[in-house]
Amino acid sequence: MGTFRKRSAEQELKGTGQKIKGVGQEIAGRLTDNDDLRARGEANQVGGHIRSRVGEAGRKISEALDPEKPRRRR
């Protein structure tokens, strides 16, 4: 189960990075009046949010299925 948990945490981090990248692209697109760059930034934000949520769900499932690890309340 440890590998699954590690991959889930990795997906959460990559999703957060993708969201940050998307915000930067969107801002740059707005400043330069580049609609393509702005749209790519918005798409990256959505993709990053989905990726982050999938990783979070996987991590929570992993924690629920692993009885040896103590659960933490969030």
C-alpha atoms as a PDB file:
ATOM      1  CA  MET A   1       0.000   0.000   0.000  1.00  0.00           C
ATOM      2  CA  GLY A   2       2.938   2.355   0.494  1.00  0.00           C
ATOM      3  CA  THR A   3       3.579   2.756  -3.226  1.00  0.00           C
ATOM      4  CA  PHE A   4      -0.036   3.708  -3.907  1.00  0.00           C
ATOM      5  CA  ARG A   5       0.078   6.303  -1.146  1.00  0.00           C
ATOM      6  CA  LYS A   6       3.344   7.704  -2.505  1.00  0.00           C
ATOM      7  CA  ARG A   7       1.924   7.985  -6.018  1.00  0.00           C
ATOM      8  CA  SER A   8      -1.187   9.697  -4.695  1.00  0.00           C
ATOM      9  CA  ALA A   9       0.865  12.261  -2.800  1.00  0.00           C
ATOM     10  CA  GLU A  10       2.967  12.794  -5.911  1.00  0.00           C
ATOM     11  CA  GLN A  11      -0.158  13.451  -7.978  1.00  0.00           C
ATOM     12  CA  GLU A  12      -1.357  15.971  -5.408  1.00  0.00           C
ATOM     13  CA  LEU A  13       1.921  17.878  -5.660  1.00  0.00           C
ATOM     14  CA  LYS A  14       2.005  17.752  -9.446  1.00  0.00           C
ATOM     15  CA  GLY A  15      -1.578  18.997  -9.551  1.00  0.00           C
ATOM     16  CA  THR A  16      -0.719  21.941  -7.334  1.00  0.00           C
ATOM     17  CA  GLY A  17       2.267  22.756  -9.540  1.00  0.00           C
ATOM     18  CA  GLN A  18       0.105  22.578 -12.636  1.00  0.00           C
ATOM     19  CA  LYS A  19      -2.423  24.965 -11.064  1.00  0.00           C
ATOM     20  CA  ILE A  20       0.354  27.459 -10.245  1.00  0.00           C
ATOM     21  CA  LYS A  21       1.691  27.187 -13.795  1.00  0.00           C
ATOM     22  CA  GLY A  22      -1.816  27.806 -15.121  1.00  0.00           C
ATOM     23  CA  VAL A  23      -2.252  30.929 -13.019  1.00  0.00           C
ATOM     24  CA  GLY A  24       1.022  32.288 -14.364  1.00  0.00           C
ATOM     25  CA  GLN A  25       0.025  31.556 -17.944  1.00  0.00           C
ATOM     26  CA  GLU A  26      -3.376  33.133 -17.477  1.00  0.00           C
ATOM     27  CA  ILE A  27      -1.888  36.300 -15.979  1.00  0.00           C
ATOM     28  CA  ALA A  28       0.717  36.523 -18.737  1.00  0.00           C
ATOM     29  CA  GLY A  29      -1.990  36.015 -21.341  1.00  0.00           C
ATOM     30  CA  ARG A  30      -4.120  38.779 -19.865  1.00  0.00           C
ATOM     31  CA  LEU A  31      -1.175  41.188 -19.645  1.00  0.00           C
ATOM     32  CA  THR A  32      -0.078  40.559 -23.234  1.00  0.00           C
ATOM     33  CA  ASP A  33      -3.632  40.322 -24.605  1.00  0.00           C
ATOM     34  CA  ASN A  34      -2.873  36.783 -25.801  1.00  0.00           C
ATOM     35  CA  ASP A  35      -6.129  34.811 -25.701  1.00  0.00           C
ATOM     36  CA  ASP A  36      -4.423  31.490 -26.527  1.00  0.00           C
ATOM     37  CA  LEU A  37      -2.027  31.772 -23.584  1.00  0.00           C
ATOM     38  CA  ARG A  38      -4.846  32.816 -21.260  1.00  0.00           C
ATOM     39  CA  ALA A  39      -6.970  29.848 -22.379  1.00  0.00           C
ATOM     40  CA  ARG A  40      -4.040  27.449 -21.914  1.00  0.00           C
ATOM     41  CA  GLY A  41      -3.564  28.831 -18.424  1.00  0.00           C
ATOM     42  CA  GLU A  42      -7.206  28.277 -17.553  1.00  0.00           C
ATOM     43  CA  ALA A  43      -7.044  24.729 -18.937  1.00  0.00           C
ATOM     44  CA  ASN A  44      -3.912  24.017 -16.883  1.00  0.00           C
ATOM     45  CA  GLN A  45      -5.654  25.255 -13.756  1.00  0.00           C
ATOM     46  CA  VAL A  46      -8.613  22.942 -14.327  1.00  0.00           C
ATOM     47  CA  GLY A  47      -6.338  20.001 -15.135  1.00  0.00           C
ATOM     48  CA  GLY A  48      -4.234  20.695 -12.060  1.00  0.00           C
ATOM     49  CA  HIS A  49      -7.289  20.876  -9.846  1.00  0.00           C
ATOM     50  CA  ILE A  50      -8.545  17.519 -11.143  1.00  0.00           C
ATOM     51  CA  ARG A  51      -5.122  15.922 -10.773  1.00  0.00           C
ATOM     52  CA  SER A  52      -4.781  17.225  -7.235  1.00  0.00           C
ATOM     53  CA  ARG A  53      -8.241  15.944  -6.249  1.00  0.00           C
ATOM     54  CA  VAL A  54      -7.568  12.515  -7.737  1.00  0.00           C
ATOM     55  CA  GLY A  55      -4.337  12.300  -5.749  1.00  0.00           C
ATOM     56  CA  GLU A  56      -6.123  13.416  -2.592  1.00  0.00           C
ATOM     57  CA  ALA A  57      -8.848  10.798  -3.089  1.00  0.00           C
ATOM     58  CA  GLY A  58      -6.248   8.089  -3.657  1.00  0.00           C
ATOM     59  CA  ARG A  59      -4.385   9.092  -0.522  1.00  0.00           C
ATOM     60  CA  LYS A  60      -7.554   9.011   1.570  1.00  0.00           C
ATOM     61  CA  ILE A  61      -8.541   5.605   0.179  1.00  0.00           C
ATOM     62  CA  SER A  62      -5.058   4.315   0.932  1.00  0.00           C
ATOM     63  CA  GLU A  63      -5.250   5.602   4.502  1.00  0.00           C
ATOM     64  CA  ALA A  64      -8.680   4.036   5.002  1.00  0.00           C
ATOM     65  CA  LEU A  65      -7.540   0.637   3.726  1.00  0.00           C
ATOM     66  CA  ASP A  66      -4.307   0.485   5.705  1.00  0.00           C
ATOM     67  CA  PRO A  67      -5.223  -0.496   9.285  1.00  0.00           C
ATOM     68  CA  GLU A  68      -1.633  -0.314  10.559  1.00  0.00           C
ATOM     69  CA  LYS A  69      -1.291   3.426  10.110  1.00  0.00           C
ATOM     70  CA  PRO A  70      -3.048   5.656  12.647  1.00  0.00           C
ATOM     71  CA  ARG A  71      -5.664   7.924  11.112  1.00  0.00           C
ATOM     72  CA  ARG A  72      -5.398  11.655  11.469  1.00  0.00           C
ATOM     73  CA  ARG A  73      -8.415  13.907  11.436  1.00  0.00           C
ATOM     74  CA  ARG A  74      -8.340  16.793   8.980  1.00  0.00           C
END
